[in-house]
Amino acid sequence: MKSYTIFLDVQTPVHIGSGTQITKKEFTVNMKRIDVYDPFKLYSVLGESYEALFNNPWESLTDYLFENRVKASHAVKYSVHSSDSSVRKTDSIAEFIKDPYGNPYIPGSSLKGAIRTALLSHIISQDKDDKYKSSHFFKAQDIEEDIFGKHTDSALRFLRISDSLPLSTNDLIICKKIDMMTDGTTRELNICREALRIGTTIKFKLTIEKPPYNIKNSQALQIDYIMSAIESFADQYKKVYSSKFSSNVVKDYGDNVIYLGGGVGFNSKTINHSLYKEKAIYKIAETLDRNFRRHNHYKKDISLGVSPRALKCTFVNGTHVEMGICRIRIKEDEAI
């Protein structure tokens, strides 16, 4: 068994959702600072009036504390800087996943899923016979099982990634969801997310066991091959998708990058372009059209030559950037 350390250097904000929302009753807005409150401590300050606040659907905690001249600073759980000034006191904020001690972290399964997608895409791209277009493969799981084997004997069983080391709430910022169109116009949505700030470094432990000799595609357990797959997938993503958008937003972060978390594009999480090549846009637009009928994806996306036709972005440090881009490095641990 070999042991490695994976380093992710955050290039653009990364959001890994906990599945919960921080509501307008749980935070206050003060210029670009967002204070998130501990509800139990807040209740000890406000008493029964806290229940009255929750029963008023229109009032935010920001307004309540201001109007009633209540100081509740000792009930603040943590504070987060907003990436711009457009976070409203009536918004809700998608919370970043945190450990039992309140520290943000990235589950190893999130990173392994992104690496799995890159490996599948890379292996399919190298298949000269295009066998995975066959009707025998009805869904992505069928393709994955053909490439790596069923779950019980999959090559990826021998690749394990730990949850990341815990981070700090000081590593978080609040980001607005923004859709960028191919002509450079933007549409800001009323969706806010906690995200890791640019410049944060995240560490994971990777262990790779020696697999049985007859395991399928065991080369996927070699670090050089993994990095080649990641670089190939990033290069493909730029060529077939992000290059269709404004160069003011789509910057070159190198090839050793991985797209991670919520708010990143559909194409960064799927193998469609490797699978269908020049016909991928039609397959993607058809899928989106079937699931989001009112957006008329098939007709509009095909006419623009890109699907989906909106690049998922946010606004930080005075500029629009894509979401979820990390530079990845893998270093073998020294033997003890």
Protein backbone atom coordinates (compact mmCIF):
# COMPACT_ATOMS: atom_id res chain seq x y z
CA MET A 1 0.00 0.00 0.00
CA LYS A 2 1.24 3.46 -0.90
CA SER A 3 0.29 6.67 0.85
CA TYR A 4 0.06 10.16 -0.65
CA THR A 5 -1.03 13.67 0.28
CA ILE A 6 -3.37 15.49 -2.08
CA PHE A 7 -3.23 19.28 -2.06
CA LEU A 8 -6.05 21.35 -3.54
CA ASP A 9 -5.23 25.01 -4.05
CA VAL A 10 -8.47 26.98 -4.44
CA GLN A 11 -8.37 29.11 -7.60
CA THR A 12 -12.04 30.17 -7.58
CA PRO A 13 -14.63 29.85 -4.75
CA VAL A 14 -15.61 26.27 -3.90
CA HIS A 15 -18.97 25.35 -2.36
CA ILE A 16 -19.68 21.93 -0.84
CA GLY A 17 -23.21 22.09 0.48
CA SER A 18 -24.42 20.62 3.77
CA GLY A 19 -27.98 20.49 2.45
CA THR A 20 -29.18 23.15 4.88
CA GLN A 21 -29.92 26.84 4.47
CA ILE A 22 -28.96 29.65 6.84
CA THR A 23 -32.17 31.65 6.88
CA LYS A 24 -32.73 35.39 7.33
CA LYS A 25 -33.64 34.61 10.97
CA GLU A 26 -30.13 33.27 11.63
CA PHE A 27 -27.78 35.90 10.22
CA THR A 28 -27.34 39.65 10.02
CA VAL A 29 -25.81 41.80 7.29
CA ASN A 30 -23.42 44.60 8.21
CA MET A 31 -21.93 46.06 5.01
CA LYS A 32 -19.82 43.16 3.66
CA ARG A 33 -19.80 41.19 6.90
CA ILE A 34 -22.29 38.40 7.54
CA ASP A 35 -22.71 37.35 11.18
CA VAL A 36 -24.13 33.85 11.66
CA TYR A 37 -25.78 33.30 15.05
CA ASP A 38 -26.03 30.35 17.39
CA PRO A 39 -29.82 29.87 17.80
CA PHE A 40 -29.55 28.65 21.40
CA LYS A 41 -27.44 31.62 22.48
CA LEU A 42 -29.72 33.94 20.54
CA TYR A 43 -32.74 32.52 22.35
CA SER A 44 -31.04 33.19 25.69
CA VAL A 45 -30.82 36.87 24.66
CA LEU A 46 -34.23 37.32 23.06
CA GLY A 47 -36.33 34.89 25.06
CA GLU A 48 -39.91 34.46 23.88
CA SER A 49 -39.52 37.34 21.41
CA TYR A 50 -37.26 35.01 19.40
CA GLU A 51 -40.28 32.79 18.82
CA ALA A 52 -42.26 35.84 17.73
CA LEU A 53 -39.50 36.69 15.24
CA PHE A 54 -39.73 33.22 13.72
CA ASN A 55 -43.50 33.49 13.46
CA ASN A 56 -43.23 36.71 11.45
CA PRO A 57 -42.46 35.56 7.87
CA TRP A 58 -41.47 39.05 6.71
CA GLU A 59 -38.96 40.14 9.34
CA SER A 60 -35.23 39.43 9.17
CA LEU A 61 -32.92 39.12 12.15
CA THR A 62 -31.00 42.14 10.83
CA ASP A 63 -34.10 44.34 11.06
CA TYR A 64 -35.26 42.88 14.37
CA LEU A 65 -32.01 43.56 16.22
CA PHE A 66 -31.74 47.05 14.75
CA GLU A 67 -35.35 48.08 15.42
CA ASN A 68 -35.31 46.76 18.98
CA ARG A 69 -31.83 48.08 19.78
CA VAL A 70 -30.71 44.61 20.84
CA LYS A 71 -27.00 43.80 21.12
CA ALA A 72 -26.36 40.09 20.68
CA SER A 73 -22.71 39.97 19.64
CA HIS A 74 -21.90 37.18 22.12
CA ALA A 75 -24.46 34.98 20.29
CA VAL A 76 -22.51 35.20 17.03
CA LYS A 77 -21.24 31.75 16.04
CA TYR A 78 -18.92 33.03 13.30
CA SER A 79 -18.59 35.85 10.79
CA VAL A 80 -18.05 35.56 7.04
CA HIS A 81 -16.93 38.18 4.55
CA SER A 82 -19.20 38.70 1.54
CA SER A 83 -17.53 38.56 -1.87
CA ASP A 84 -19.65 41.57 -2.93
CA SER A 85 -22.18 43.92 -1.33
CA SER A 86 -25.31 42.42 -2.92
CA VAL A 87 -26.10 39.85 -0.21
CA ARG A 88 -29.46 40.98 1.13
CA LYS A 89 -30.76 40.67 4.68
CA THR A 90 -33.74 38.70 3.30
CA ASP A 91 -31.66 36.14 1.40
CA SER A 92 -30.95 32.61 2.55
CA ILE A 93 -27.45 31.17 2.38
CA ALA A 94 -26.55 27.61 1.39
CA GLU A 95 -24.34 26.37 4.19
CA PHE A 96 -20.92 24.79 3.61
CA ILE A 97 -20.61 21.31 5.11
CA LYS A 98 -18.99 21.35 8.56
CA ASP A 99 -17.71 18.78 11.03
CA PRO A 100 -19.18 18.36 14.55
CA TYR A 101 -16.88 21.15 15.77
CA GLY A 102 -18.21 23.65 13.25
CA ASN A 103 -15.18 23.52 10.97
CA PRO A 104 -15.72 23.39 7.20
CA TYR A 105 -14.18 20.45 5.36
CA ILE A 106 -14.47 18.60 2.05
CA PRO A 107 -15.60 14.96 2.13
CA GLY A 108 -13.21 12.57 0.45
CA SER A 109 -16.16 11.23 -1.56
CA SER A 110 -16.55 14.62 -3.27
CA LEU A 111 -12.96 14.62 -4.48
CA LYS A 112 -13.01 10.93 -5.40
CA GLY A 113 -16.17 11.51 -7.46
CA ALA A 114 -14.45 14.26 -9.44
CA ILE A 115 -11.41 12.05 -10.04
CA ARG A 116 -13.66 9.14 -11.06
CA THR A 117 -15.35 11.33 -13.70
CA ALA A 118 -11.96 12.38 -15.09
CA LEU A 119 -10.75 8.76 -15.25
CA LEU A 120 -13.93 7.53 -16.97
CA SER A 121 -13.76 10.36 -19.49
CA HIS A 122 -10.09 9.68 -20.21
CA ILE A 123 -10.57 5.93 -20.71
CA ILE A 124 -13.61 6.44 -22.96
CA SER A 125 -11.70 9.01 -25.03
CA GLN A 126 -8.98 6.42 -25.68
CA ASP A 127 -11.51 3.83 -26.90
CA LYS A 128 -11.10 3.87 -30.69
CA ASP A 129 -14.04 1.50 -31.27
CA ASP A 130 -16.62 3.78 -29.61
CA LYS A 131 -18.13 0.72 -27.97
CA TYR A 132 -19.67 2.75 -25.16
CA LYS A 133 -22.12 4.32 -27.61
CA SER A 134 -23.73 0.89 -27.91
CA SER A 135 -27.36 0.52 -26.81
CA HIS A 136 -26.06 -2.19 -24.46
CA PHE A 137 -25.02 0.62 -22.11
CA PHE A 138 -28.27 2.17 -20.95
CA LYS A 139 -26.83 4.43 -18.26
CA ALA A 140 -23.55 5.76 -16.89
CA GLN A 141 -23.43 3.06 -14.21
CA ASP A 142 -23.33 0.37 -16.92
CA ILE A 143 -20.33 2.08 -18.51
CA GLU A 144 -18.55 2.47 -15.19
CA GLU A 145 -19.08 -1.21 -14.35
CA ASP A 146 -17.73 -2.25 -17.74
CA ILE A 147 -14.63 -0.08 -17.27
CA PHE A 148 -13.83 -0.71 -13.60
CA GLY A 149 -15.96 -3.73 -12.69
CA LYS A 150 -18.94 -3.99 -10.38
CA HIS A 151 -18.75 -2.27 -7.02
CA THR A 152 -17.56 -5.36 -5.17
CA ASP A 153 -14.53 -5.79 -7.43
CA SER A 154 -14.09 -2.29 -8.87
CA ALA A 155 -10.55 -1.04 -9.32
CA LEU A 156 -11.56 2.15 -7.52
CA ARG A 157 -12.15 0.16 -4.32
CA PHE A 158 -8.38 0.14 -3.94
CA LEU A 159 -8.17 3.95 -4.12
CA ARG A 160 -9.22 5.64 -0.89
CA ILE A 161 -9.38 9.35 -0.17
CA SER A 162 -9.92 10.61 3.35
CA ASP A 163 -12.04 13.59 4.26
CA SER A 164 -9.92 16.74 4.15
CA LEU A 165 -8.19 18.14 7.20
CA PRO A 166 -10.55 20.60 8.91
CA LEU A 167 -10.52 24.19 7.75
CA SER A 168 -11.66 27.35 9.52
CA THR A 169 -14.74 29.52 9.09
CA ASN A 170 -12.16 32.25 8.35
CA ASP A 171 -11.58 30.39 5.08
CA LEU A 172 -15.19 31.04 4.00
CA ILE A 173 -16.76 33.83 1.99
CA ILE A 174 -20.34 34.38 0.83
CA CYS A 175 -20.86 34.19 -2.94
CA LYS A 176 -23.84 35.01 -5.12
CA LYS A 177 -24.85 32.64 -7.91
CA ILE A 178 -24.41 34.33 -11.30
CA ASP A 179 -25.17 32.98 -14.76
CA MET A 180 -22.88 34.24 -17.54
CA MET A 181 -24.16 34.05 -21.11
CA THR A 182 -22.03 33.60 -24.23
CA ASP A 183 -22.35 37.31 -25.12
CA GLY A 184 -20.87 38.31 -21.75
CA THR A 185 -24.12 39.43 -20.14
CA THR A 186 -24.80 38.25 -16.60
CA ARG A 187 -27.85 37.34 -14.57
CA GLU A 188 -27.54 37.46 -10.78
CA LEU A 189 -29.76 34.98 -8.97
CA ASN A 190 -31.09 35.32 -5.46
CA ILE A 191 -28.98 32.39 -4.30
CA CYS A 192 -26.06 32.80 -1.89
CA ARG A 193 -23.53 30.18 -0.89
CA GLU A 194 -20.81 29.79 1.69
CA ALA A 195 -17.66 28.97 -0.26
CA LEU A 196 -13.95 28.51 0.33
CA ARG A 197 -12.03 31.65 -0.48
CA ILE A 198 -9.39 31.89 -3.21
CA GLY A 199 -5.94 30.95 -1.91
CA THR A 200 -7.13 28.30 0.55
CA THR A 201 -5.15 25.04 0.49
CA ILE A 202 -6.96 21.82 1.37
CA LYS A 203 -5.19 18.57 2.29
CA PHE A 204 -6.38 14.97 1.93
CA LYS A 205 -4.77 11.59 2.50
CA LEU A 206 -4.78 9.18 -0.44
CA THR A 207 -3.98 5.50 -0.07
CA ILE A 208 -3.69 3.05 -2.95
CA GLU A 209 -3.61 -0.67 -2.32
CA LYS A 210 -2.09 -3.13 -4.75
CA PRO A 211 -5.06 -4.68 -6.60
CA PRO A 212 -5.46 -8.31 -7.74
CA TYR A 213 -3.72 -9.05 -11.04
CA ASN A 214 -7.00 -9.49 -12.96
CA ILE A 215 -8.65 -6.20 -11.98
CA LYS A 216 -9.98 -4.07 -14.87
CA ASN A 217 -8.10 -0.90 -15.86
CA SER A 218 -5.69 -1.10 -12.94
CA GLN A 219 -3.65 1.72 -14.55
CA ALA A 220 -6.25 4.04 -12.99
CA LEU A 221 -4.49 3.36 -9.68
CA GLN A 222 -1.24 4.95 -10.87
CA ILE A 223 -0.63 8.59 -9.89
CA ASP A 224 0.78 9.56 -13.29
CA TYR A 225 -2.28 8.11 -15.00
CA ILE A 226 -4.65 9.87 -12.59
CA MET A 227 -2.95 13.22 -13.24
CA SER A 228 -3.02 12.61 -17.02
CA ALA A 229 -6.76 11.93 -16.81
CA ILE A 230 -7.35 15.08 -14.77
CA GLU A 231 -5.35 17.19 -17.21
CA SER A 232 -7.10 15.61 -20.22
CA PHE A 233 -10.54 16.26 -18.72
CA ALA A 234 -9.69 19.88 -17.86
CA ASP A 235 -8.36 20.45 -21.38
CA GLN A 236 -11.49 18.94 -22.92
CA TYR A 237 -13.74 21.06 -20.69
CA LYS A 238 -12.00 24.24 -21.82
CA LYS A 239 -12.08 23.32 -25.50
CA VAL A 240 -15.68 22.16 -25.80
CA TYR A 241 -17.37 24.35 -23.21
CA SER A 242 -15.78 27.20 -21.26
CA SER A 243 -13.98 28.60 -24.33
CA LYS A 244 -17.42 29.53 -25.71
CA PHE A 245 -17.72 32.24 -23.06
CA SER A 246 -16.11 35.62 -22.38
CA SER A 247 -12.32 35.55 -22.00
CA ASN A 248 -12.76 38.17 -19.25
CA VAL A 249 -14.24 35.41 -17.08
CA VAL A 250 -12.66 32.20 -18.36
CA LYS A 251 -9.03 32.38 -17.32
CA ASP A 252 -6.28 29.83 -17.82
CA TYR A 253 -5.53 28.10 -14.51
CA GLY A 254 -3.38 25.43 -16.13
CA ASP A 255 -4.22 21.81 -16.93
CA ASN A 256 -3.76 20.32 -13.45
CA VAL A 257 -7.13 21.65 -12.28
CA ILE A 258 -10.27 19.94 -11.09
CA TYR A 259 -13.82 21.28 -10.86
CA LEU A 260 -15.36 20.61 -7.48
CA GLY A 261 -18.59 21.10 -5.60
CA GLY A 262 -21.87 22.88 -6.14
CA GLY A 263 -22.34 25.68 -8.62
CA VAL A 264 -19.97 24.21 -11.21
CA GLY A 265 -21.25 23.41 -14.66
CA PHE A 266 -23.09 20.32 -15.87
CA ASN A 267 -20.23 19.45 -18.22
CA SER A 268 -17.68 19.27 -15.39
CA LYS A 269 -19.58 16.38 -13.79
CA THR A 270 -20.44 14.24 -16.83
CA ILE A 271 -18.72 12.13 -19.50
CA ASN A 272 -20.95 13.25 -22.39
CA HIS A 273 -18.26 14.91 -24.50
CA SER A 274 -16.00 11.86 -24.36
CA LEU A 275 -18.93 9.58 -25.06
CA TYR A 276 -20.70 11.41 -27.88
CA LYS A 277 -17.91 13.70 -29.19
CA GLU A 278 -19.29 16.08 -31.86
CA LYS A 279 -22.86 14.97 -31.12
CA ALA A 280 -22.54 15.71 -27.40
CA ILE A 281 -24.19 19.13 -27.61
CA TYR A 282 -27.36 17.55 -29.01
CA LYS A 283 -27.45 14.88 -26.29
CA ILE A 284 -26.86 17.42 -23.51
CA ALA A 285 -29.42 19.90 -24.85
CA GLU A 286 -31.95 17.08 -25.22
CA THR A 287 -31.40 15.97 -21.61
CA LEU A 288 -31.69 19.51 -20.25
CA ASP A 289 -34.75 20.20 -22.40
CA ARG A 290 -36.45 17.11 -20.97
CA ASN A 291 -35.72 18.12 -17.36
CA PHE A 292 -36.16 21.90 -17.64
CA ARG A 293 -38.79 22.35 -20.33
CA ARG A 294 -39.52 26.03 -19.83
CA HIS A 295 -35.92 27.01 -20.63
CA ASN A 296 -36.13 25.71 -24.22
CA HIS A 297 -32.62 24.28 -24.07
CA TYR A 298 -32.66 22.26 -27.26
CA LYS A 299 -33.54 25.06 -29.65
CA LYS A 300 -31.61 27.88 -27.97
CA ASP A 301 -28.51 25.92 -26.96
CA ILE A 302 -28.07 24.35 -30.39
CA SER A 303 -28.39 27.74 -32.09
CA LEU A 304 -25.64 29.12 -29.81
CA GLY A 305 -23.40 26.09 -30.25
CA VAL A 306 -23.04 25.41 -26.52
CA SER A 307 -25.07 23.54 -23.91
CA PRO A 308 -25.82 24.52 -21.22
CA ARG A 309 -25.80 28.09 -22.50
CA ALA A 310 -25.06 29.67 -19.10
CA LEU A 311 -21.67 29.46 -17.40
CA LYS A 312 -21.91 29.16 -13.62
CA CYS A 313 -20.02 32.05 -12.03
CA THR A 314 -19.79 34.33 -9.04
CA PHE A 315 -18.32 37.76 -8.30
CA VAL A 316 -15.23 38.07 -6.13
CA ASN A 317 -12.34 40.53 -5.78
CA GLY A 318 -14.03 42.88 -8.25
CA THR A 319 -14.39 40.41 -11.09
CA HIS A 320 -16.55 37.55 -12.35
CA VAL A 321 -15.00 34.08 -12.04
CA GLU A 322 -16.10 30.50 -12.59
CA MET A 323 -17.03 28.44 -9.54
CA GLY A 324 -15.20 25.47 -8.09
CA ILE A 325 -11.76 25.45 -9.73
CA CYS A 326 -8.88 23.92 -7.73
CA ARG A 327 -5.31 23.21 -8.72
CA ILE A 328 -4.45 19.67 -7.67
CA ARG A 329 -1.07 18.29 -6.55
CA ILE A 330 -0.33 14.76 -5.36
CA LYS A 331 2.82 14.03 -3.37
CA GLU A 332 3.96 10.60 -2.20
CA ASP A 333 4.46 10.42 1.56
CA GLU A 334 7.88 9.53 2.85
CA ALA A 335 8.24 6.03 4.21
CA ILE A 336 8.61 5.90 7.98
